[in-house]
Amino acid sequence: MVQAHAPARLIEGGLPTEALLAQVIVSTYSEHLPLYRPAQVFARHGVAVDRSTLADWVGRAAHHLAPVVARMAELLKGSAKLFTDETVAPVLMRDDRPWGGNDPPGVVFAIR
């Protein structure tokens, strides 16, 4: 008997499928749910997933998505028209001037 190889996963040797990772990421970033909430949902269904595990999954997925995000940003920056969302969000701006730097203040928003 020969057993077929398991299908490749985004997280090598891991159990979460791409669909599960997408669900966790969308609930976190689109629905603004902290990771303990999906962990509670999974627990209600009898699946114990620690939020540190969920955080690891999100981090690994972000690593794989980084080139896609970089390419999207590159294309957007080269566009003839660029729209922005002026929603107020508290951020720490980089400002080198107090330490003698010449770079102007700036901020970049990205999904982590």
Protein backbone atom coordinates (compact mmCIF):
# COMPACT_ATOMS: atom_id res chain seq x y z
CA MET A 1 0.00 0.00 0.00
CA VAL A 2 1.11 3.51 -0.73
CA GLN A 3 -0.32 6.52 1.01
CA ALA A 4 -0.69 9.75 -0.95
CA HIS A 5 1.13 12.79 0.36
CA ALA A 6 -0.94 15.25 2.34
CA PRO A 7 -1.80 18.42 0.47
CA ALA A 8 0.57 21.32 0.99
CA ARG A 9 -0.50 23.81 3.66
CA LEU A 10 0.32 27.46 4.13
CA ILE A 11 1.64 26.54 7.58
CA GLU A 12 3.89 23.58 6.91
CA GLY A 13 2.98 20.65 9.13
CA GLY A 14 0.02 22.60 10.49
CA LEU A 15 -3.65 21.76 10.45
CA PRO A 16 -5.28 25.09 9.52
CA THR A 17 -6.38 25.39 5.92
CA GLU A 18 -6.11 28.57 3.90
CA ALA A 19 -9.86 29.05 4.37
CA LEU A 20 -9.55 28.87 8.17
CA LEU A 21 -6.62 31.29 8.15
CA ALA A 22 -8.59 33.68 5.94
CA GLN A 23 -11.55 33.49 8.33
CA VAL A 24 -9.38 34.31 11.35
CA ILE A 25 -7.63 37.17 9.55
CA VAL A 26 -10.86 38.68 8.21
CA SER A 27 -12.55 38.45 11.61
CA THR A 28 -9.53 40.12 13.20
CA TYR A 29 -8.91 42.93 10.72
CA SER A 30 -12.27 43.45 9.02
CA GLU A 31 -14.58 42.73 11.94
CA HIS A 32 -12.12 44.14 14.52
CA LEU A 33 -12.33 41.08 16.75
CA PRO A 34 -9.43 40.47 19.13
CA LEU A 35 -8.02 36.96 18.84
CA TYR A 36 -9.60 35.79 22.07
CA ARG A 37 -13.03 36.07 20.40
CA PRO A 38 -12.37 33.52 17.61
CA ALA A 39 -10.77 31.32 20.29
CA GLN A 40 -14.05 31.51 22.24
CA VAL A 41 -16.05 30.68 19.09
CA PHE A 42 -13.88 27.64 18.42
CA ALA A 43 -14.23 26.55 22.06
CA ARG A 44 -18.04 26.69 21.78
CA HIS A 45 -17.71 24.24 18.92
CA GLY A 46 -15.51 21.95 20.98
CA VAL A 47 -12.19 22.94 19.41
CA ALA A 48 -9.60 24.33 21.81
CA VAL A 49 -7.33 26.80 20.00
CA ASP A 50 -5.24 29.06 22.20
CA ARG A 51 -5.06 32.69 21.11
CA SER A 52 -1.26 32.47 21.04
CA THR A 53 -1.71 29.79 18.37
CA LEU A 54 -4.06 32.10 16.47
CA ALA A 55 -1.49 34.90 16.75
CA ASP A 56 1.16 32.57 15.33
CA TRP A 57 -1.15 31.68 12.42
CA VAL A 58 -1.82 35.36 11.68
CA GLY A 59 1.90 36.13 11.79
CA ARG A 60 2.80 33.29 9.47
CA ALA A 61 0.04 34.24 7.02
CA ALA A 62 1.21 37.87 7.11
CA HIS A 63 4.72 36.69 6.25
CA HIS A 64 3.40 34.90 3.15
CA LEU A 65 1.19 37.85 2.19
CA ALA A 66 3.94 40.49 2.55
CA PRO A 67 5.05 40.30 -1.12
CA VAL A 68 1.44 40.70 -2.26
CA VAL A 69 0.95 43.74 -0.01
CA ALA A 70 4.26 45.24 -1.21
CA ARG A 71 3.27 44.79 -4.86
CA MET A 72 -0.16 46.30 -4.24
CA ALA A 73 1.43 49.30 -2.53
CA GLU A 74 3.88 49.69 -5.43
CA LEU A 75 1.04 49.67 -7.96
CA LEU A 76 -1.03 52.10 -5.90
CA LYS A 77 1.85 54.54 -5.51
CA GLY A 78 2.35 54.58 -9.28
CA SER A 79 -1.31 55.24 -9.99
CA ALA A 80 -2.46 58.50 -11.59
CA LYS A 81 -5.15 58.81 -8.92
CA LEU A 82 -4.87 57.77 -5.31
CA PHE A 83 -7.71 57.88 -2.82
CA THR A 84 -7.20 57.90 0.91
CA ASP A 85 -9.26 57.06 3.95
CA GLU A 86 -9.03 59.91 6.40
CA THR A 87 -10.45 57.94 9.30
CA VAL A 88 -8.79 59.13 12.46
CA ALA A 89 -6.64 56.49 14.11
CA PRO A 90 -4.14 57.03 16.91
CA VAL A 91 -0.63 56.35 15.61
CA LEU A 92 2.93 57.18 16.49
CA MET A 93 4.45 59.20 13.67
CA ARG A 94 8.12 58.90 12.86
CA ASP A 95 9.76 62.28 13.28
CA ASP A 96 13.55 62.36 13.17
CA ARG A 97 13.90 66.11 13.59
CA PRO A 98 14.22 66.18 17.40
CA TRP A 99 17.26 63.89 17.03
CA GLY A 100 18.91 65.91 14.27
CA GLY A 101 17.52 63.94 11.33
CA ASN A 102 16.55 65.52 8.02
CA ASP A 103 13.70 63.18 7.09
CA PRO A 104 10.18 64.61 7.29
CA PRO A 105 7.57 63.00 9.58
CA GLY A 106 5.79 60.04 8.03
CA VAL A 107 3.59 57.07 8.73
CA VAL A 108 2.72 53.87 6.87
CA PHE A 109 -0.34 51.82 7.65
CA ALA A 110 -0.14 48.10 6.98
CA ILE A 111 -1.86 44.91 8.01
CA ARG A 112 0.40 42.87 10.23
